Amino acid sequence: MSDYNSTDFTSPSTFILLGIPGLEVAHVWISIPFCSMYAIAVLGNITILFIVKTEPSLHGPMYYFLSMLSVTDLILCTSTIPKMLNIFWFNSKEIKFSACLTQMFFIHSFFAMESGIFVAMAFDRYVAICDPLRHSTTLRNPVVVNIGLAVVLRGTMLALPCPLLARQWPYCKTNIIPHTCCEHMSVVSLACADIRISSFYGLTVANLVICLDMFFIAVSYTQILRVIFSLPTKDARLKTFGTCGSHLCAILAFYIPGLFSVLTSRFAHHVALHSQVLFANVCLLVPPMLNPIIFGVRTKQIQDRLLRLFIPKGT
């Protein structure tokens, strides 16, 4: 077992994930809602992937982007929640230094990828509503694949410097991370060096990803709303806006908590640490849980396919 209070190392072989500081006695109880949400997220996103794969009518840009979102959600929550539950249930707090850096990369890269997918979905809705006659030619399968590759490449390139910078710092304070996962600043704050480069890069990337992507989404929806309000009847406006409802709900569920979590962890030092850690975990888990529910409830094609799964024909 590693020494939890080691202070004479510069390259630790392991870190200790403390869990939720100050709430250790409640870990088992806290694990119940988190485990339930994780199970819903996994089941829901796998269901979405199965439905899109097996239903030919859903083989289109909107549902390809939805499939990308489901894969991203599965990886994002699976990179953190199983380890968190191990901490809560089995007091398994150790994590290898290399595994910690890998987890850090997955958290930040897939967060950026998910944000990029929402931009791609907004672009899909923009073309479908503002230029419907060119939708099938603008978003052909090769274009969708290229957009997906660009989203993955952007997320990878933006997140890669975080673990690379974290790896170069000497760690001589402690190897205890007051968190349930290897979040970037929680790790580098343990370094006994000037970490302003890591801090500045992490904050800049987080704000750029969130703010720029929200800007592009806002521009898309400004054009969409302009077209919707120009439609002649109220029914036509409601029907057209309804095609964007699930996307808007998913955007709100992702960006509002994410932006609040980033700002709280950086600037709201008066907020209790256990509250910050709890909220950070909620931000990682709630969107992957809600997205399949939102799209399942608000998308008629997915509803119909689900009904056919559970209600055989002729009954």
Protein backbone atom coordinates (compact mmCIF):
# COMPACT_ATOMS: atom_id res chain seq x y z
CA MET A 1 0.00 0.00 0.00
CA SER A 2 1.33 3.44 -0.91
CA ASP A 3 2.01 6.00 1.77
CA TYR A 4 -0.98 8.34 1.62
CA ASN A 5 1.05 11.23 2.99
CA SER A 6 4.24 10.79 1.02
CA THR A 7 6.02 14.13 0.60
CA ASP A 8 9.42 13.16 -0.85
CA PHE A 9 8.52 12.01 -4.34
CA THR A 10 8.82 13.82 -7.65
CA SER A 11 7.19 11.24 -9.92
CA PRO A 12 4.58 9.30 -7.96
CA SER A 13 3.71 5.79 -9.10
CA THR A 14 0.18 6.14 -7.72
CA PHE A 15 -2.29 8.78 -6.63
CA ILE A 16 -4.97 8.41 -4.00
CA LEU A 17 -8.49 9.50 -5.02
CA LEU A 18 -10.13 10.66 -1.82
CA GLY A 19 -13.69 10.50 -3.11
CA ILE A 20 -15.95 13.27 -1.86
CA PRO A 21 -14.00 15.09 0.87
CA GLY A 22 -15.91 15.43 4.10
CA LEU A 23 -18.62 12.99 3.07
CA GLU A 24 -16.68 9.74 3.33
CA VAL A 25 -19.15 8.24 5.81
CA ALA A 26 -21.96 8.79 3.29
CA HIS A 27 -20.14 7.29 0.29
CA VAL A 28 -22.29 4.15 0.20
CA TRP A 29 -25.51 6.16 0.26
CA ILE A 30 -24.24 8.64 -2.32
CA SER A 31 -23.34 5.72 -4.59
CA ILE A 32 -26.97 4.61 -4.91
CA PRO A 33 -28.23 7.52 -7.08
CA PHE A 34 -24.95 7.64 -9.02
CA CYS A 35 -25.07 3.91 -9.76
CA SER A 36 -28.71 4.20 -10.83
CA MET A 37 -27.97 7.13 -13.14
CA TYR A 38 -24.99 5.30 -14.63
CA ALA A 39 -27.12 2.21 -15.33
CA ILE A 40 -29.78 4.38 -17.00
CA ALA A 41 -27.10 6.16 -19.07
CA VAL A 42 -25.53 2.90 -20.28
CA LEU A 43 -28.85 1.22 -21.04
CA GLY A 44 -30.32 4.31 -22.69
CA ASN A 45 -27.37 5.04 -24.95
CA ILE A 46 -26.95 1.40 -25.98
CA THR A 47 -30.66 1.36 -26.83
CA ILE A 48 -30.27 4.47 -28.99
CA LEU A 49 -27.34 2.89 -30.84
CA PHE A 50 -29.27 -0.35 -31.38
CA ILE A 51 -32.35 1.46 -32.69
CA VAL A 52 -30.39 3.65 -35.11
CA LYS A 53 -28.43 0.64 -36.40
CA THR A 54 -31.46 -1.61 -36.93
CA GLU A 55 -33.95 0.94 -38.27
CA PRO A 56 -33.20 1.88 -41.92
CA SER A 57 -35.44 4.96 -41.75
CA LEU A 58 -33.08 6.44 -39.14
CA HIS A 59 -30.01 6.19 -41.36
CA GLY A 60 -29.63 9.94 -41.84
CA PRO A 61 -27.39 12.79 -40.64
CA MET A 62 -29.44 13.68 -37.56
CA TYR A 63 -29.36 10.11 -36.25
CA TYR A 64 -25.73 9.55 -37.17
CA PHE A 65 -24.86 12.57 -35.03
CA LEU A 66 -27.13 11.18 -32.30
CA SER A 67 -25.19 7.89 -32.46
CA MET A 68 -21.91 9.80 -32.12
CA LEU A 69 -23.39 11.55 -29.09
CA SER A 70 -24.36 8.21 -27.53
CA VAL A 71 -20.88 6.73 -28.05
CA THR A 72 -19.31 9.86 -26.56
CA ASP A 73 -21.67 9.74 -23.56
CA LEU A 74 -20.88 6.08 -22.93
CA ILE A 75 -17.13 6.67 -22.96
CA LEU A 76 -17.35 9.89 -20.92
CA CYS A 77 -19.29 8.40 -18.03
CA THR A 78 -17.55 5.00 -18.16
CA SER A 79 -14.14 6.65 -17.86
CA THR A 80 -15.06 7.97 -14.39
CA ILE A 81 -18.09 6.34 -12.78
CA PRO A 82 -16.81 2.73 -12.34
CA LYS A 83 -13.72 4.01 -10.50
CA MET A 84 -15.88 6.31 -8.39
CA LEU A 85 -18.13 3.39 -7.41
CA ASN A 86 -15.03 1.35 -6.52
CA ILE A 87 -14.01 4.13 -4.16
CA PHE A 88 -17.48 4.29 -2.61
CA TRP A 89 -18.05 0.53 -2.27
CA PHE A 90 -14.62 -1.03 -1.80
CA ASN A 91 -12.47 1.89 -0.62
CA SER A 92 -10.29 1.26 -3.68
CA LYS A 93 -8.69 4.68 -3.84
CA GLU A 94 -5.36 4.02 -5.53
CA ILE A 95 -4.88 4.85 -9.19
CA LYS A 96 -1.68 4.47 -11.18
CA PHE A 97 -0.09 7.71 -12.32
CA SER A 98 -0.35 6.67 -15.98
CA ALA A 99 -3.98 5.59 -15.51
CA CYS A 100 -4.71 8.93 -13.85
CA LEU A 101 -3.31 10.85 -16.82
CA THR A 102 -5.25 8.61 -19.21
CA GLN A 103 -8.47 9.28 -17.32
CA MET A 104 -7.72 13.01 -17.40
CA PHE A 105 -7.33 12.84 -21.18
CA PHE A 106 -10.59 10.93 -21.66
CA ILE A 107 -12.58 13.31 -19.46
CA HIS A 108 -11.46 16.48 -21.20
CA SER A 109 -11.25 15.16 -24.76
CA PHE A 110 -14.71 13.59 -24.75
CA PHE A 111 -16.21 16.64 -23.08
CA ALA A 112 -14.87 18.70 -26.00
CA MET A 113 -16.09 16.07 -28.48
CA GLU A 114 -19.61 16.14 -27.03
CA SER A 115 -19.67 19.91 -27.35
CA GLY A 116 -18.55 19.61 -30.97
CA ILE A 117 -21.29 17.08 -31.70
CA PHE A 118 -23.90 19.54 -30.45
CA VAL A 119 -22.52 22.11 -32.90
CA ALA A 120 -22.76 19.53 -35.70
CA MET A 121 -26.36 18.74 -34.72
CA ALA A 122 -27.19 22.46 -34.73
CA PHE A 123 -25.72 22.72 -38.24
CA ASP A 124 -27.84 19.75 -39.33
CA ARG A 125 -30.99 21.45 -38.00
CA TYR A 126 -29.97 24.72 -39.67
CA VAL A 127 -29.63 23.09 -43.10
CA ALA A 128 -32.80 20.99 -42.65
CA ILE A 129 -34.94 24.03 -41.79
CA CYS A 130 -33.29 26.92 -43.61
CA ASP A 131 -32.31 25.10 -46.80
CA PRO A 132 -34.31 21.84 -46.84
CA LEU A 133 -33.97 21.21 -50.57
CA ARG A 134 -30.18 20.96 -50.23
CA HIS A 135 -30.12 19.01 -46.96
CA SER A 136 -29.57 15.60 -48.56
CA THR A 137 -26.81 16.90 -50.82
CA THR A 138 -25.11 19.12 -48.22
CA LEU A 139 -24.94 16.47 -45.50
CA ARG A 140 -24.06 13.38 -47.50
CA ASN A 141 -22.53 10.43 -45.67
CA PRO A 142 -18.90 11.38 -46.51
CA VAL A 143 -19.55 14.88 -45.16
CA VAL A 144 -21.02 13.47 -41.94
CA VAL A 145 -17.97 11.20 -41.55
CA ASN A 146 -15.61 14.15 -42.08
CA ILE A 147 -17.49 16.23 -39.51
CA GLY A 148 -17.24 13.33 -37.04
CA LEU A 149 -13.50 12.98 -37.65
CA ALA A 150 -13.02 16.74 -37.22
CA VAL A 151 -14.88 16.62 -33.89
CA VAL A 152 -12.70 13.73 -32.66
CA LEU A 153 -9.48 15.39 -33.86
CA ARG A 154 -10.38 18.71 -32.24
CA GLY A 155 -11.21 17.08 -28.90
CA THR A 156 -8.01 15.03 -28.98
CA MET A 157 -5.73 17.94 -29.87
CA LEU A 158 -7.25 20.28 -27.29
CA ALA A 159 -7.13 17.75 -24.43
CA LEU A 160 -3.73 16.16 -25.13
CA PRO A 161 -1.62 19.00 -23.65
CA CYS A 162 -3.37 18.62 -20.27
CA PRO A 163 -1.87 15.20 -19.34
CA LEU A 164 1.39 16.03 -21.14
CA LEU A 165 1.84 19.15 -19.02
CA ALA A 166 0.72 17.33 -15.87
CA ARG A 167 3.28 14.61 -16.50
CA GLN A 168 6.23 16.98 -16.53
CA TRP A 169 5.58 18.62 -13.15
CA PRO A 170 7.36 17.39 -9.99
CA TYR A 171 4.97 16.28 -7.24
CA CYS A 172 6.35 16.77 -3.75
CA LYS A 173 3.37 17.91 -1.70
CA THR A 174 1.09 14.89 -1.43
CA ASN A 175 -0.34 12.19 -3.65
CA ILE A 176 -3.88 12.60 -2.34
CA ILE A 177 -6.36 14.01 -4.86
CA PRO A 178 -9.48 15.43 -3.14
CA HIS A 179 -11.77 14.21 -5.93
CA THR A 180 -13.41 11.10 -7.34
CA CYS A 181 -11.49 11.34 -10.62
CA CYS A 182 -8.30 12.80 -12.09
CA GLU A 183 -9.69 16.16 -13.08
CA HIS A 184 -6.98 18.37 -14.57
CA MET A 185 -6.64 21.09 -11.92
CA SER A 186 -7.16 18.65 -9.04
CA VAL A 187 -4.02 16.82 -10.19
CA VAL A 188 -1.71 19.67 -11.19
CA SER A 189 -2.52 21.63 -8.02
CA LEU A 190 -0.50 18.96 -6.17
CA ALA A 191 2.68 19.88 -8.06
CA CYS A 192 5.48 21.74 -6.30
CA ALA A 193 6.16 23.97 -9.30
CA ASP A 194 4.75 26.98 -11.08
CA ILE A 195 1.67 25.52 -12.77
CA ARG A 196 0.39 28.76 -14.31
CA ILE A 197 0.85 27.28 -17.80
CA SER A 198 -1.41 24.31 -16.97
CA SER A 199 -3.91 26.52 -15.19
CA PHE A 200 -4.06 29.07 -18.00
CA TYR A 201 -4.28 26.42 -20.71
CA GLY A 202 -7.02 24.46 -18.95
CA LEU A 203 -9.14 27.54 -18.28
CA THR A 204 -8.61 28.94 -21.78
CA VAL A 205 -9.53 25.69 -23.53
CA ALA A 206 -12.60 25.10 -21.35
CA ASN A 207 -13.91 28.62 -21.95
CA LEU A 208 -13.08 28.59 -25.66
CA VAL A 209 -14.79 25.24 -26.23
CA ILE A 210 -17.93 26.19 -24.33
CA CYS A 211 -18.18 29.83 -25.47
CA LEU A 212 -17.27 29.32 -29.13
CA ASP A 213 -19.49 26.27 -29.52
CA MET A 214 -22.38 28.05 -27.81
CA PHE A 215 -21.80 30.99 -30.15
CA PHE A 216 -22.01 28.79 -33.27
CA ILE A 217 -25.12 27.08 -31.89
CA ALA A 218 -26.69 30.46 -31.14
CA VAL A 219 -25.96 31.68 -34.69
CA SER A 220 -27.56 28.53 -36.13
CA TYR A 221 -30.67 28.88 -34.00
CA THR A 222 -30.96 32.59 -34.74
CA GLN A 223 -31.28 31.70 -38.41
CA ILE A 224 -33.61 28.81 -37.61
CA LEU A 225 -35.91 31.04 -35.54
CA ARG A 226 -35.91 33.65 -38.28
CA VAL A 227 -37.20 31.04 -40.73
CA ILE A 228 -39.70 29.61 -38.22
CA PHE A 229 -41.26 33.01 -37.46
CA SER A 230 -41.63 33.67 -41.17
CA LEU A 231 -43.88 30.62 -41.62
CA PRO A 232 -47.52 31.54 -42.35
CA THR A 233 -49.37 29.49 -39.71
CA LYS A 234 -48.95 28.78 -36.02
CA ASP A 235 -49.21 25.02 -36.60
CA ALA A 236 -46.38 25.14 -39.14
CA ARG A 237 -44.22 27.14 -36.74
CA LEU A 238 -44.85 24.74 -33.85
CA LYS A 239 -44.25 21.66 -36.00
CA THR A 240 -40.98 23.01 -37.37
CA PHE A 241 -39.76 24.17 -33.97
CA GLY A 242 -40.69 20.76 -32.54
CA THR A 243 -37.98 19.15 -34.67
CA CYS A 244 -35.42 21.17 -32.68
CA GLY A 245 -36.92 20.61 -29.22
CA SER A 246 -34.88 17.56 -28.21
CA HIS A 247 -31.66 19.17 -29.40
CA LEU A 248 -32.31 22.35 -27.41
CA CYS A 249 -33.13 20.40 -24.24
CA ALA A 250 -29.92 18.36 -24.57
CA ILE A 251 -27.89 21.54 -25.14
CA LEU A 252 -29.26 23.13 -21.97
CA ALA A 253 -28.61 19.95 -19.95
CA PHE A 254 -24.98 19.92 -21.13
CA TYR A 255 -23.82 23.53 -21.26
CA ILE A 256 -25.48 25.11 -18.23
CA PRO A 257 -24.06 22.66 -15.63
CA GLY A 258 -20.76 22.41 -17.51
CA LEU A 259 -20.20 26.17 -17.58
CA PHE A 260 -21.26 26.51 -13.95
CA SER A 261 -18.89 23.71 -12.90
CA VAL A 262 -15.91 25.26 -14.71
CA LEU A 263 -16.53 28.70 -13.19
CA THR A 264 -17.20 27.30 -9.71
CA SER A 265 -14.04 25.18 -9.59
CA ARG A 266 -11.89 28.11 -10.75
CA PHE A 267 -13.32 31.16 -9.02
CA ALA A 268 -15.85 30.23 -6.32
CA HIS A 269 -13.32 29.33 -3.63
CA HIS A 270 -15.89 29.96 -0.91
CA VAL A 271 -17.96 27.01 -2.16
CA ALA A 272 -17.37 23.89 -0.05
CA LEU A 273 -15.04 21.37 -1.71
CA HIS A 274 -17.50 18.49 -1.33
CA SER A 275 -20.13 20.58 -3.16
CA GLN A 276 -17.73 21.25 -6.02
CA VAL A 277 -16.84 17.56 -6.33
CA LEU A 278 -20.48 16.46 -6.17
CA PHE A 279 -21.48 18.95 -8.83
CA ALA A 280 -18.56 17.97 -11.07
CA ASN A 281 -19.74 14.34 -10.95
CA VAL A 282 -23.31 15.39 -11.68
CA CYS A 283 -22.05 17.27 -14.77
CA LEU A 284 -20.25 14.15 -15.99
CA LEU A 285 -23.21 11.83 -15.44
CA VAL A 286 -26.47 13.73 -15.89
CA PRO A 287 -26.10 14.63 -19.61
CA PRO A 288 -25.28 11.01 -20.62
CA MET A 289 -28.31 9.88 -18.62
CA LEU A 290 -30.69 12.56 -19.94
CA ASN A 291 -29.72 12.58 -23.62
CA PRO A 292 -31.24 9.19 -24.57
CA ILE A 293 -34.34 10.02 -22.50
CA ILE A 294 -34.73 13.43 -24.17
CA PHE A 295 -34.26 12.13 -27.69
CA GLY A 296 -36.33 9.01 -27.00
CA VAL A 297 -39.28 10.96 -25.62
CA ARG A 298 -39.25 13.79 -28.16
CA THR A 299 -38.37 11.89 -31.35
CA LYS A 300 -41.34 10.08 -32.86
CA GLN A 301 -39.27 7.73 -35.04
CA ILE A 302 -37.36 6.47 -32.00
CA GLN A 303 -40.60 6.13 -30.01
CA ASP A 304 -42.18 4.06 -32.79
CA ARG A 305 -39.16 1.77 -33.01
CA LEU A 306 -39.15 1.28 -29.23
CA LEU A 307 -42.83 0.38 -29.28
CA ARG A 308 -42.21 -2.20 -31.99
CA LEU A 309 -39.46 -3.73 -29.84
CA PHE A 310 -41.74 -4.27 -26.86
CA ILE A 311 -45.13 -4.70 -28.57
CA PRO A 312 -45.03 -7.40 -31.26
CA LYS A 313 -46.94 -6.82 -34.47
CA GLY A 314 -50.52 -8.01 -34.44
CA THR A 315 -51.05 -7.51 -30.69
